[in-house]
Amino acid sequence: MNMFSIKKSISFLSYILLILTIVNCSGDSSDIQPVVKTPIITVTGSLSGFNATNELSFSESKSLQVKGADLTENLKIVTSENFEVSLDNSDFSNQIDIPKENSNGENTTIYLRFAPKKNAIGIVSGTLTFTSNQASTKSISLTGEGLSIDPVIKIDKTSLNFEDTEVMTESSSLNLVVNGDNLVTGLNLSVTAGFVISLDDITFTNTLQIPADSANDDTVVYVRFKPTEVESITGVLAFKNAEIDDVEMDLVGFSTPLAHNYKTFNQKAIAHLGGASRTAEETFNLHTDLSNISKIKMFLQIDCPSSGCDDWDRFANVKVKDVSSGKWFELGRYITPYWTGTQQLPRGLEFDVTDFKSLLTGSVDLRIMTDNWTAKADLISVEFDYIEGEPDYPYYAVSEVLGFHSNSTGNGAIPYGVSHNRDLDKQISIPSNAESTHLRTVISGWGHATPKDTNGRGCAEWCFRTHHIKINGSNTFEHYMGPIGCASNPISNQSPGNWTPDRAGWCPGMAVPTRVDVLASPMAGSNFSFEYDFEDWTNNMGNGNAFYSTSTYVIVKSNSVIVKPTITN
């Protein structure tokens, strides 16, 4: 082969290699993929709730930082209703757009504010969202409290209910707090009859004003019940302002009759030993004009000395002296509590002694007695309330029919289940002008005598019995000596005394019940026979005696001056 042919062959081969190289390079290029970057939205900073803001106004702004990375579209920022966003903290709207060129650069500060619309009142929630094409949406929760710009009057109570209050007196104060919102003028307050108001709890009137400069602040208002008549009273406290409808609060009170109070014995020590006596007598000046007295209440309080009250349940009573006969009439009887006094009752034991009103006027002799034979004295206080009101009858008179009330046993009581010489049969003569006649009896049994009832109850403290009052020989009234609920006695701190089991018609630490029997006819100008008849039972003397302490009075009433009934054997 000559030199020319060789050169030609080399050139051809070079050409072929060039072609192959071009083909190979073209094939490698087809396998390379372009790099695709994910758009990202980044928000920095945090938001707490916006301050309370008036409707149709806006709060102070708060700020956040936002930026994008590789965003291909603008960044859109949107707030829900009642919130606004801005790029310059000046021009606010519900939506702004940040061009992608700007958002893909440095952080952009955005400003947010709460802008409650009309009636957006209370806690308002919303959302701030950041969106851009192909980027994950970012959301932030927004909250604010919208305040009404309408005038409003607010009070912290819906009603006031007062304690029972005597007529012509004032109750203790009850108070409320009133404040206004968006009031421009003052606030006027007024109450209906029977109530009074004050801003200082000293000077009370029917009307008052809270000035405009403090009408939107908290103001304490004091209210008292001031009744002029005995009745249940419902009233209104009204709040008035020129810019708003009136607001009213209900006021409720119940008035009680006026009571004239008289204190008599004051912590008188009653015992047998230690320098004390089982009885005490004193003279007291009580109410003189009974023409407008409808009731007389007696209250007896037992306090304990430093040594403590008596350990036992003792027979005790309060009496008034009937000057005309010289007898002591039993106003009220009670059994002392074990170990304690009557302080659990605000005024102690209560007795209605209206039947004795003809004796409880002017200068009066009173006697208290407790059948206590120890040195541990009870401290006795007695007071009377003369309650005003129209009496059922202006004139009363009272006579004693049975007077066995000096103690719980022995000569001062009536033996039960054995023969005795106590006279339980009487003749009663009623004045001719009597318009109402009734009997008043107090009875309590003592002793653990046998035979006991089938339930183990000895007489006469525990055995349940039925007594009768016979009028002209016929059973007319019935007295059941049964349980009266000893365990529910409010004087419940008598431990270790045996105070909860039911006795026959009485309980330790309670007043012995008064049994009132009204005759169907006043028996005016008539005589009738009276007999107190115990249920039959015979004491076998296996465990001592049984006794009933018994007092019975006949009370007559009239619209004219009346004399006492006459009692004969």
Protein backbone atom coordinates (compact mmCIF):
# COMPACT_ATOMS: atom_id res chain seq x y z
CA MET A 1 0.00 0.00 0.00
CA ASN A 2 1.40 3.36 -0.87
CA MET A 3 1.68 6.27 1.37
CA PHE A 4 -1.36 7.98 -0.02
CA SER A 5 -3.60 5.01 0.67
CA ILE A 6 -2.39 4.82 4.24
CA LYS A 7 -3.18 8.48 4.87
CA LYS A 8 -6.60 8.04 3.34
CA SER A 9 -7.36 5.10 5.61
CA ILE A 10 -6.30 7.05 8.70
CA SER A 11 -8.52 9.96 7.76
CA PHE A 12 -11.50 7.68 7.31
CA LEU A 13 -10.96 6.09 10.68
CA SER A 14 -10.69 9.46 12.30
CA TYR A 15 -13.98 10.44 10.75
CA ILE A 16 -15.64 7.28 12.04
CA LEU A 17 -14.33 7.90 15.58
CA LEU A 18 -15.63 11.47 15.47
CA ILE A 19 -19.07 10.27 14.50
CA LEU A 20 -19.10 7.72 17.30
CA THR A 21 -18.00 10.32 19.83
CA ILE A 22 -20.82 12.67 18.79
CA VAL A 23 -23.34 9.84 19.02
CA ASN A 24 -22.12 8.80 22.47
CA CYS A 25 -22.17 12.34 23.82
CA SER A 26 -25.68 12.81 22.51
CA GLY A 27 -26.83 9.67 24.37
CA ASP A 28 -25.32 10.81 27.77
CA SER A 29 -27.07 14.17 27.56
CA SER A 30 -30.52 12.56 27.46
CA ASP A 31 -30.05 10.98 31.00
CA ILE A 32 -29.45 14.29 33.02
CA GLN A 33 -32.62 15.71 35.00
CA PRO A 34 -33.06 19.41 35.98
CA VAL A 35 -33.02 20.27 39.80
CA VAL A 36 -36.59 21.34 41.07
CA LYS A 37 -36.69 23.39 44.37
CA THR A 38 -39.77 23.26 46.78
CA PRO A 39 -41.36 26.66 47.61
CA ILE A 40 -41.35 27.31 51.40
CA ILE A 41 -43.10 29.89 53.60
CA THR A 42 -41.45 30.65 56.94
CA VAL A 43 -43.20 32.64 59.73
CA THR A 44 -41.34 33.72 62.84
CA GLY A 45 -42.70 35.32 66.01
CA SER A 46 -45.79 34.55 68.10
CA LEU A 47 -49.14 36.16 68.83
CA SER A 48 -51.10 36.32 72.09
CA GLY A 49 -54.71 37.46 72.34
CA PHE A 50 -55.49 41.06 71.51
CA ASN A 51 -56.62 43.47 74.21
CA ALA A 52 -60.32 44.11 74.74
CA THR A 53 -61.42 46.48 72.01
CA ASN A 54 -64.60 48.44 71.36
CA GLU A 55 -66.66 47.34 68.42
CA LEU A 56 -66.07 49.46 65.27
CA SER A 57 -62.62 50.34 66.61
CA PHE A 58 -59.25 48.59 66.52
CA SER A 59 -56.60 47.41 68.91
CA GLU A 60 -52.91 48.12 69.06
CA SER A 61 -51.05 46.13 66.42
CA LYS A 62 -48.80 43.13 66.85
CA SER A 63 -46.10 42.02 64.39
CA LEU A 64 -44.70 38.87 62.78
CA GLN A 65 -41.86 38.13 60.35
CA VAL A 66 -42.46 36.21 57.12
CA LYS A 67 -40.29 35.21 54.17
CA GLY A 68 -40.40 32.79 51.32
CA ALA A 69 -37.87 30.56 49.63
CA ASP A 70 -38.14 29.60 45.97
CA LEU A 71 -41.68 30.92 45.71
CA THR A 72 -42.91 31.00 42.14
CA GLU A 73 -45.96 33.14 42.89
CA ASN A 74 -46.71 36.07 45.14
CA LEU A 75 -47.18 35.45 48.86
CA LYS A 76 -50.83 36.05 49.85
CA ILE A 77 -51.67 36.91 53.49
CA VAL A 78 -55.36 36.84 54.52
CA THR A 79 -57.16 37.45 57.86
CA SER A 80 -60.65 36.31 58.77
CA GLU A 81 -63.39 38.80 59.60
CA ASN A 82 -62.77 41.17 62.55
CA PHE A 83 -58.96 41.13 62.05
CA GLU A 84 -56.71 43.17 59.72
CA VAL A 85 -53.16 42.99 58.34
CA SER A 86 -50.71 45.63 57.06
CA LEU A 87 -47.20 45.98 55.66
CA ASP A 88 -46.60 49.48 56.98
CA ASN A 89 -48.61 49.52 60.25
CA SER A 90 -50.74 52.22 58.70
CA ASP A 91 -52.88 50.88 55.87
CA PHE A 92 -54.78 47.82 57.13
CA SER A 93 -57.05 45.44 55.25
CA ASN A 94 -58.11 41.81 55.34
CA GLN A 95 -55.58 40.82 52.65
CA ILE A 96 -52.13 41.80 51.40
CA ASP A 97 -49.85 40.38 48.71
CA ILE A 98 -46.04 40.35 48.81
CA PRO A 99 -44.39 39.98 45.38
CA LYS A 100 -42.39 36.79 45.05
CA GLU A 101 -39.24 38.77 44.37
CA ASN A 102 -39.60 40.48 47.78
CA SER A 103 -40.80 37.51 49.70
CA ASN A 104 -37.92 35.36 48.51
CA GLY A 105 -35.51 37.88 49.93
CA GLU A 106 -35.17 39.07 53.49
CA ASN A 107 -37.80 38.75 56.27
CA THR A 108 -40.80 41.03 55.78
CA THR A 109 -42.50 42.48 58.84
CA ILE A 110 -46.30 42.33 58.82
CA TYR A 111 -48.63 44.00 61.32
CA LEU A 112 -51.91 42.64 62.68
CA ARG A 113 -54.70 44.20 64.67
CA PHE A 114 -58.11 43.28 66.07
CA ALA A 115 -60.88 45.33 64.45
CA PRO A 116 -64.26 44.03 65.72
CA LYS A 117 -67.24 44.88 63.57
CA LYS A 118 -70.64 45.89 64.94
CA ASN A 119 -72.00 43.30 67.39
CA ALA A 120 -68.72 41.35 67.46
CA ILE A 121 -69.03 41.24 71.25
CA GLY A 122 -67.21 38.95 73.63
CA ILE A 123 -64.43 36.54 72.68
CA VAL A 124 -63.90 36.60 68.90
CA SER A 125 -61.75 33.99 67.12
CA GLY A 126 -60.13 34.18 63.72
CA THR A 127 -57.33 32.89 61.50
CA LEU A 128 -54.32 34.40 59.72
CA THR A 129 -53.25 32.39 56.61
CA PHE A 130 -50.15 32.54 54.36
CA THR A 131 -50.44 30.96 50.90
CA SER A 132 -48.40 30.79 47.68
CA ASN A 133 -48.51 28.42 44.73
CA GLN A 134 -47.14 24.97 45.58
CA ALA A 135 -46.09 26.09 49.11
CA SER A 136 -47.62 24.56 52.22
CA THR A 137 -50.19 26.94 53.74
CA LYS A 138 -49.32 28.41 57.12
CA SER A 139 -52.14 29.28 59.60
CA ILE A 140 -52.11 31.14 62.92
CA SER A 141 -55.07 31.40 65.32
CA LEU A 142 -56.21 34.87 66.37
CA THR A 143 -58.37 35.90 69.35
CA GLY A 144 -59.70 39.16 70.72
CA GLU A 145 -62.44 40.43 73.02
CA GLY A 146 -65.00 42.76 71.50
CA LEU A 147 -66.66 45.37 73.69
CA SER A 148 -70.01 46.94 73.01
CA ILE A 149 -70.06 50.68 72.48
CA ASP A 150 -73.76 50.83 73.32
CA PRO A 151 -74.58 52.42 76.69
CA VAL A 152 -75.20 49.72 79.28
CA ILE A 153 -75.96 49.47 83.02
CA LYS A 154 -74.66 46.40 84.84
CA ILE A 155 -75.50 45.24 88.39
CA ASP A 156 -73.96 42.26 90.14
CA LYS A 157 -77.19 40.87 91.62
CA THR A 158 -80.64 40.11 90.27
CA SER A 159 -82.57 40.65 93.54
CA LEU A 160 -82.20 41.41 97.24
CA ASN A 161 -84.10 39.46 99.91
CA PHE A 162 -84.18 41.04 103.35
CA GLU A 163 -84.46 39.52 106.81
CA ASP A 164 -87.80 39.82 108.57
CA THR A 165 -87.96 43.37 109.91
CA GLU A 166 -90.23 45.00 112.47
CA VAL A 167 -92.50 47.76 111.22
CA MET A 168 -91.18 51.31 111.69
CA THR A 169 -87.61 50.01 111.92
CA GLU A 170 -84.87 49.44 109.36
CA SER A 171 -83.20 46.19 108.41
CA SER A 172 -79.46 45.77 108.20
CA SER A 173 -77.99 46.87 104.87
CA LEU A 174 -77.59 44.69 101.81
CA ASN A 175 -75.36 45.96 99.03
CA LEU A 176 -74.85 45.64 95.29
CA VAL A 177 -72.33 46.94 92.76
CA VAL A 178 -73.51 48.94 89.76
CA ASN A 179 -71.43 50.24 86.86
CA GLY A 180 -72.09 51.59 83.40
CA ASP A 181 -70.33 51.33 80.10
CA ASN A 182 -70.35 54.17 77.59
CA LEU A 183 -72.61 56.34 79.72
CA VAL A 184 -72.26 60.04 79.06
CA THR A 185 -74.71 61.33 81.66
CA GLY A 186 -75.28 60.44 85.32
CA LEU A 187 -77.15 57.48 86.72
CA ASN A 188 -80.35 58.07 88.75
CA LEU A 189 -81.50 55.50 91.33
CA SER A 190 -84.89 55.23 93.06
CA VAL A 191 -86.72 52.68 95.22
CA THR A 192 -90.39 52.01 95.81
CA ALA A 193 -92.07 52.50 99.19
CA GLY A 194 -90.74 50.38 102.04
CA PHE A 195 -87.09 50.56 100.96
CA VAL A 196 -84.29 53.17 101.17
CA ILE A 197 -80.88 53.50 99.46
CA SER A 198 -77.50 55.04 100.22
CA LEU A 199 -74.01 55.45 98.75
CA ASP A 200 -72.25 55.63 102.13
CA ASP A 201 -74.35 53.27 104.31
CA ILE A 202 -75.08 56.23 106.57
CA THR A 203 -77.56 58.57 104.91
CA PHE A 204 -80.52 56.76 103.33
CA THR A 205 -83.13 58.24 101.00
CA ASN A 206 -85.63 57.12 98.36
CA THR A 207 -83.59 58.55 95.46
CA LEU A 208 -79.95 59.31 94.72
CA GLN A 209 -77.65 60.07 91.76
CA ILE A 210 -74.30 58.74 90.64
CA PRO A 211 -72.61 61.60 88.74
CA ALA A 212 -71.56 61.27 85.09
CA ASP A 213 -67.85 61.26 85.92
CA SER A 214 -68.23 58.06 87.97
CA ALA A 215 -71.24 56.46 86.25
CA ASN A 216 -68.95 54.09 84.33
CA ASP A 217 -67.04 53.02 87.45
CA ASP A 218 -67.95 50.40 90.05
CA THR A 219 -70.22 51.98 92.67
CA VAL A 220 -71.45 50.22 95.82
CA VAL A 221 -75.11 50.91 96.60
CA TYR A 222 -76.57 50.07 100.05
CA VAL A 223 -80.24 49.13 100.43
CA ARG A 224 -82.37 48.75 103.55
CA PHE A 225 -85.88 47.47 104.16
CA LYS A 226 -87.97 50.05 106.06
CA PRO A 227 -91.55 48.78 106.38
CA THR A 228 -94.41 50.88 107.66
CA GLU A 229 -97.06 48.13 107.68
CA VAL A 230 -97.12 44.45 108.60
CA GLU A 231 -97.10 42.67 105.27
CA SER A 232 -94.96 40.99 102.66
CA ILE A 233 -93.51 43.73 100.47
CA THR A 234 -92.12 43.39 96.96
CA GLY A 235 -90.38 46.48 95.66
CA VAL A 236 -88.13 47.68 92.86
CA LEU A 237 -84.78 49.46 92.72
CA ALA A 238 -84.69 51.34 89.39
CA PHE A 239 -81.58 52.55 87.55
CA LYS A 240 -82.27 55.34 85.04
CA ASN A 241 -80.06 57.01 82.43
CA ALA A 242 -80.96 59.31 79.54
CA GLU A 243 -79.13 57.13 77.00
CA ILE A 244 -80.59 53.73 77.82
CA ASP A 245 -83.76 51.97 78.93
CA ASP A 246 -84.33 51.63 82.67
CA VAL A 247 -82.85 48.64 84.51
CA GLU A 248 -84.70 47.28 87.55
CA MET A 249 -83.86 44.98 90.46
CA ASP A 250 -86.44 43.16 92.63
CA LEU A 251 -86.50 43.83 96.38
CA VAL A 252 -88.31 41.47 98.76
CA GLY A 253 -88.98 41.88 102.48
CA PHE A 254 -91.42 40.67 105.09
CA SER A 255 -92.32 43.00 107.91
CA THR A 256 -93.19 41.80 111.36
CA PRO A 257 -95.13 43.64 114.04
CA LEU A 258 -93.27 46.00 116.30
CA ALA A 259 -92.22 44.31 119.53
CA HIS A 260 -91.60 46.08 122.82
CA ASN A 261 -88.89 44.13 124.62
CA TYR A 262 -88.60 43.82 128.40
CA LYS A 263 -85.71 42.03 130.05
CA THR A 264 -86.30 40.50 133.48
CA PHE A 265 -84.01 37.89 135.07
CA ASN A 266 -80.46 38.24 133.79
CA GLN A 267 -78.21 35.16 134.14
CA LYS A 268 -79.68 34.29 137.50
CA ALA A 269 -77.84 31.30 138.99
CA ILE A 270 -80.34 28.56 139.87
CA ALA A 271 -79.13 25.54 141.87
CA HIS A 272 -79.44 24.11 145.39
CA LEU A 273 -75.86 24.29 146.67
CA GLY A 274 -72.90 26.61 146.31
CA GLY A 275 -74.73 29.70 147.53
CA ALA A 276 -77.49 29.47 144.91
CA SER A 277 -81.20 28.73 145.29
CA ARG A 278 -83.55 26.51 143.31
CA THR A 279 -85.95 29.47 142.93
CA ALA A 280 -85.72 33.21 142.43
CA GLU A 281 -88.42 35.89 142.69
CA GLU A 282 -88.28 39.50 141.57
CA THR A 283 -90.62 42.34 140.65
CA PHE A 284 -90.38 43.88 137.18
CA ASN A 285 -92.14 46.71 135.37
CA LEU A 286 -93.64 45.44 132.12
CA HIS A 287 -95.76 46.97 129.34
CA THR A 288 -98.70 49.02 130.58
CA ASP A 289 -100.88 49.66 127.52
CA LEU A 290 -102.21 46.40 126.14
CA SER A 291 -104.80 47.92 123.83
CA ASN A 292 -102.71 47.34 120.70
CA ILE A 293 -100.82 44.22 121.81
CA SER A 294 -101.77 41.13 119.85
CA LYS A 295 -99.26 38.68 121.35
CA ILE A 296 -96.84 38.34 124.23
CA LYS A 297 -93.83 36.06 123.76
CA MET A 298 -91.51 34.92 126.54
CA PHE A 299 -87.94 33.83 125.82
CA LEU A 300 -85.76 31.90 128.24
CA GLN A 301 -82.03 31.45 127.74
CA ILE A 302 -79.84 29.07 129.77
CA ASP A 303 -76.14 29.90 129.95
CA CYS A 304 -73.48 27.87 131.70
CA PRO A 305 -71.09 29.12 134.38
CA SER A 306 -67.38 28.37 134.15
CA SER A 307 -68.00 25.17 136.10
CA GLY A 308 -70.42 23.98 133.44
CA CYS A 309 -74.18 23.45 133.37
CA ASP A 310 -76.02 20.83 135.39
CA ASP A 311 -75.54 17.24 134.21
CA TRP A 312 -79.21 16.25 134.23
CA ASP A 313 -82.56 16.96 132.61
CA ARG A 314 -84.47 18.88 135.28
CA PHE A 315 -88.07 20.01 135.66
CA ALA A 316 -88.18 23.84 135.48
CA ASN A 317 -90.68 26.65 134.92
CA VAL A 318 -91.46 30.38 135.00
CA LYS A 319 -94.43 31.71 136.96
CA VAL A 320 -96.32 34.97 137.39
CA LYS A 321 -98.14 35.95 140.56
CA ASP A 322 -101.88 36.42 140.38
CA VAL A 323 -102.29 39.28 142.85
CA SER A 324 -106.00 38.71 143.38
CA SER A 325 -105.60 35.10 144.53
CA GLY A 326 -101.98 35.13 145.69
CA LYS A 327 -101.26 32.06 143.55
CA TRP A 328 -98.34 31.60 141.21
CA PHE A 329 -99.56 30.78 137.69
CA GLU A 330 -97.29 28.72 135.43
CA LEU A 331 -96.37 30.78 132.37
CA GLY A 332 -94.18 28.12 130.80
CA ARG A 333 -92.51 24.82 131.67
CA TYR A 334 -89.37 23.29 130.22
CA ILE A 335 -86.93 20.48 130.87
CA THR A 336 -83.30 21.55 131.08
CA PRO A 337 -80.82 20.01 128.63
CA TYR A 338 -78.09 17.68 129.82
CA TRP A 339 -74.68 19.35 130.39
CA THR A 340 -75.34 22.46 128.31
CA GLY A 341 -77.45 25.57 127.86
CA THR A 342 -79.78 26.76 125.13
CA GLN A 343 -77.24 28.86 123.22
CA GLN A 344 -77.92 26.97 119.98
CA LEU A 345 -81.19 28.94 119.87
CA PRO A 346 -80.55 32.67 119.31
CA ARG A 347 -83.09 33.69 121.94
CA GLY A 348 -83.41 30.42 123.81
CA LEU A 349 -86.72 28.66 124.43
CA GLU A 350 -89.87 30.45 123.24
CA PHE A 351 -93.29 30.48 124.92
CA ASP A 352 -96.54 32.15 123.86
CA VAL A 353 -97.88 33.67 127.09
CA THR A 354 -100.61 35.85 125.60
CA ASP A 355 -103.22 34.01 127.68
CA PHE A 356 -101.77 35.70 130.77
CA LYS A 357 -101.77 39.22 129.34
CA SER A 358 -104.12 40.49 132.08
CA LEU A 359 -101.39 39.59 134.63
CA LEU A 360 -98.35 40.67 132.56
CA THR A 361 -98.83 44.42 132.75
CA GLY A 362 -97.35 47.11 134.94
CA SER A 363 -95.58 45.95 138.08
CA VAL A 364 -95.35 42.14 137.92
CA ASP A 365 -93.92 39.51 140.28
CA LEU A 366 -92.10 36.68 138.48
CA ARG A 367 -90.60 33.46 139.80
CA ILE A 368 -88.17 31.05 138.13
CA MET A 369 -87.51 27.55 139.41
CA THR A 370 -85.31 24.59 138.46
CA ASP A 371 -85.54 21.26 140.31
CA ASN A 372 -81.75 21.15 140.61
CA TRP A 373 -80.31 19.78 143.86
CA THR A 374 -76.62 20.14 142.97
CA ALA A 375 -74.08 22.99 143.06
CA LYS A 376 -73.82 23.19 139.25
CA ALA A 377 -76.06 26.14 138.52
CA ASP A 378 -77.79 27.09 135.29
CA LEU A 379 -77.72 30.82 134.51
CA ILE A 380 -81.29 31.83 133.60
CA SER A 381 -82.30 34.93 131.59
CA VAL A 382 -85.92 35.77 130.77
CA GLU A 383 -87.30 38.46 128.48
CA PHE A 384 -90.70 39.35 127.00
CA ASP A 385 -91.75 40.71 123.62
CA TYR A 386 -95.03 42.65 123.54
CA ILE A 387 -95.95 42.47 119.86
CA GLU A 388 -98.10 45.22 118.43
CA GLY A 389 -101.18 44.39 116.41
CA GLU A 390 -104.92 44.27 116.72
CA PRO A 391 -105.77 41.75 119.47
CA ASP A 392 -108.44 39.14 118.86
CA TYR A 393 -110.24 40.55 121.91
CA PRO A 394 -109.22 43.59 123.95
CA TYR A 395 -109.98 42.00 127.33
CA TYR A 396 -108.69 38.75 128.81
CA ALA A 397 -109.08 37.07 132.20
CA VAL A 398 -107.56 33.84 133.52
CA SER A 399 -108.15 31.48 136.45
CA GLU A 400 -106.24 28.42 137.58
CA VAL A 401 -108.12 25.11 137.45
CA LEU A 402 -105.29 22.70 138.35
CA GLY A 403 -102.05 23.94 139.93
CA PHE A 404 -99.77 20.91 140.36
CA HIS A 405 -96.60 22.48 138.96
CA SER A 406 -94.22 23.13 141.87
CA ASN A 407 -91.96 20.19 140.92
CA SER A 408 -91.90 16.88 139.07
CA THR A 409 -92.59 14.55 142.00
CA GLY A 410 -93.98 14.48 145.52
CA ASN A 411 -96.59 16.96 146.70
CA GLY A 412 -96.03 19.20 143.71
CA ALA A 413 -97.33 16.62 141.23
CA ILE A 414 -100.16 14.10 140.80
CA PRO A 415 -99.35 10.45 141.60
CA TYR A 416 -100.19 8.09 138.74
CA GLY A 417 -101.44 4.52 139.11
CA VAL A 418 -102.17 4.77 142.84
CA SER A 419 -104.91 6.29 144.93
CA HIS A 420 -104.27 9.88 145.99
CA ASN A 421 -105.99 12.93 147.46
CA ARG A 422 -105.40 15.35 144.54
CA ASP A 423 -108.63 17.02 143.48
CA LEU A 424 -108.96 16.74 139.70
CA ASP A 425 -112.71 17.59 139.59
CA LYS A 426 -113.75 21.24 139.48
CA GLN A 427 -116.76 23.44 138.86
CA ILE A 428 -116.13 26.38 136.57
CA SER A 429 -118.37 29.44 136.33
CA ILE A 430 -117.92 31.61 133.21
CA PRO A 431 -118.65 35.38 133.21
CA SER A 432 -121.78 36.38 131.33
CA ASN A 433 -119.96 38.55 128.78
CA ALA A 434 -117.44 35.89 127.73
CA GLU A 435 -117.14 35.66 123.93
CA SER A 436 -114.38 33.04 123.80
CA THR A 437 -113.39 30.38 126.34
CA HIS A 438 -110.51 27.93 126.22
CA LEU A 439 -108.43 25.69 128.47
CA ARG A 440 -104.64 25.75 128.61
CA THR A 441 -102.86 22.66 129.96
CA VAL A 442 -99.18 21.80 130.47
CA ILE A 443 -98.40 18.25 131.58
CA SER A 444 -95.26 16.16 131.93
CA GLY A 445 -94.67 12.75 133.47
CA TRP A 446 -91.85 11.58 135.71
CA GLY A 447 -90.71 8.23 137.09
CA HIS A 448 -89.79 4.73 135.83
CA ALA A 449 -92.51 2.85 137.65
CA THR A 450 -93.67 -0.66 136.79
CA PRO A 451 -95.24 -2.60 135.26
CA LYS A 452 -93.54 -1.29 132.14
CA ASP A 453 -95.26 -1.28 128.81
CA THR A 454 -94.48 -4.16 126.45
CA ASN A 455 -91.76 -2.03 124.81
CA GLY A 456 -90.01 -1.56 128.14
CA ARG A 457 -91.28 1.95 128.84
CA GLY A 458 -91.79 2.76 132.51
CA CYS A 459 -94.26 5.34 133.78
CA ALA A 460 -94.73 8.19 133.67
CA GLU A 461 -91.62 9.49 131.87
CA TRP A 462 -91.64 6.91 129.10
CA CYS A 463 -95.07 5.28 128.87
CA PHE A 464 -97.28 6.67 126.11
CA ARG A 465 -100.75 7.45 127.45
CA THR A 466 -103.95 9.20 126.40
CA HIS A 467 -105.60 11.59 128.88
CA HIS A 468 -109.05 13.14 128.61
CA ILE A 469 -110.66 16.32 129.82
CA LYS A 470 -114.27 15.70 130.66
CA ILE A 471 -116.74 18.56 130.43
CA ASN A 472 -120.04 17.85 132.22
CA GLY A 473 -119.04 14.20 132.40
CA SER A 474 -118.28 13.69 128.70
CA ASN A 475 -114.85 13.14 127.12
CA THR A 476 -114.42 16.46 125.34
CA PHE A 477 -110.67 16.92 124.81
CA GLU A 478 -107.89 14.38 124.39
CA HIS A 479 -104.21 14.72 125.31
CA TYR A 480 -101.89 12.11 123.85
CA MET A 481 -98.72 11.80 125.89
CA GLY A 482 -96.56 10.44 123.08
CA PRO A 483 -93.32 11.20 121.23
CA ILE A 484 -92.61 14.76 120.05
CA GLY A 485 -89.28 14.14 118.27
CA CYS A 486 -86.50 14.38 120.85
CA ALA A 487 -83.78 13.38 118.37
CA SER A 488 -84.59 16.42 116.19
CA ASN A 489 -84.18 18.86 119.07
CA PRO A 490 -82.05 21.80 117.79
CA ILE A 491 -80.25 21.75 121.16
CA SER A 492 -78.24 18.80 119.93
CA ASN A 493 -75.05 19.07 122.01
CA GLN A 494 -76.30 17.27 125.13
CA SER A 495 -73.79 14.41 125.11
CA PRO A 496 -73.25 12.29 127.09
CA GLY A 497 -76.84 12.79 128.20
CA ASN A 498 -79.61 10.42 127.13
CA TRP A 499 -81.47 13.15 125.20
CA THR A 500 -82.49 11.54 121.88
CA PRO A 501 -85.00 8.82 122.95
CA ASP A 502 -88.64 9.97 122.94
CA ARG A 503 -90.27 10.62 126.28
CA ALA A 504 -94.00 10.71 126.87
CA GLY A 505 -94.86 14.20 125.64
CA TRP A 506 -91.63 16.07 126.40
CA CYS A 507 -87.90 16.17 125.61
CA PRO A 508 -84.74 17.30 127.44
CA GLY A 509 -83.80 20.82 126.38
CA MET A 510 -87.24 21.73 125.05
CA ALA A 511 -90.32 23.60 126.22
CA VAL A 512 -93.01 21.27 127.45
CA PRO A 513 -95.90 21.57 124.95
CA THR A 514 -98.86 23.78 125.79
CA ARG A 515 -102.15 22.04 125.01
CA VAL A 516 -104.93 24.50 124.10
CA ASP A 517 -108.55 23.30 124.01
CA VAL A 518 -111.17 25.77 122.79
CA LEU A 519 -114.72 25.22 123.98
CA ALA A 520 -117.22 25.01 121.15
CA SER A 521 -119.37 27.51 123.05
CA PRO A 522 -117.96 30.22 125.34
CA MET A 523 -120.43 28.98 127.99
CA ALA A 524 -121.13 32.62 128.90
CA GLY A 525 -122.96 32.90 132.21
CA SER A 526 -122.90 29.12 132.68
CA ASN A 527 -121.38 26.65 135.11
CA PHE A 528 -119.86 23.36 133.97
CA SER A 529 -117.98 20.50 135.54
CA PHE A 530 -114.36 19.80 134.68
CA GLU A 531 -112.41 16.57 135.26
CA TYR A 532 -108.88 15.64 134.23
CA ASP A 533 -108.92 11.89 133.59
CA PHE A 534 -105.73 9.79 133.27
CA GLU A 535 -105.66 6.58 131.26
CA ASP A 536 -106.15 3.60 133.57
CA TRP A 537 -102.95 1.91 134.81
CA THR A 538 -101.98 0.46 138.18
CA ASN A 539 -98.54 0.90 139.70
CA ASN A 540 -97.29 -2.39 141.19
CA MET A 541 -94.66 -0.40 143.14
CA GLY A 542 -91.89 -2.55 141.71
CA ASN A 543 -89.78 0.51 140.83
CA GLY A 544 -91.01 3.53 142.75
CA ASN A 545 -93.68 6.09 141.97
CA ALA A 546 -94.99 7.71 138.79
CA PHE A 547 -96.12 11.35 138.67
CA TYR A 548 -97.74 13.87 136.34
CA SER A 549 -97.06 17.56 136.95
CA THR A 550 -100.15 19.28 135.64
CA SER A 551 -101.34 22.85 135.26
CA THR A 552 -104.65 23.83 133.67
CA TYR A 553 -106.05 27.36 133.23
CA VAL A 554 -109.33 28.63 131.89
CA ILE A 555 -109.07 31.81 129.81
CA VAL A 556 -112.00 33.99 128.81
CA LYS A 557 -111.98 36.85 126.30
CA SER A 558 -114.42 39.65 125.57
CA ASN A 559 -114.91 42.95 123.79
CA SER A 560 -115.91 44.43 127.15
CA VAL A 561 -114.18 44.41 130.51
CA ILE A 562 -114.38 40.89 131.88
CA VAL A 563 -113.81 39.31 135.29
CA LYS A 564 -112.07 36.03 136.05
CA PRO A 565 -113.94 32.72 135.88
CA THR A 566 -114.78 31.26 139.27
CA ILE A 567 -113.31 27.84 140.18
CA THR A 568 -114.79 25.71 142.97
CA ASN A 569 -114.17 22.17 144.17
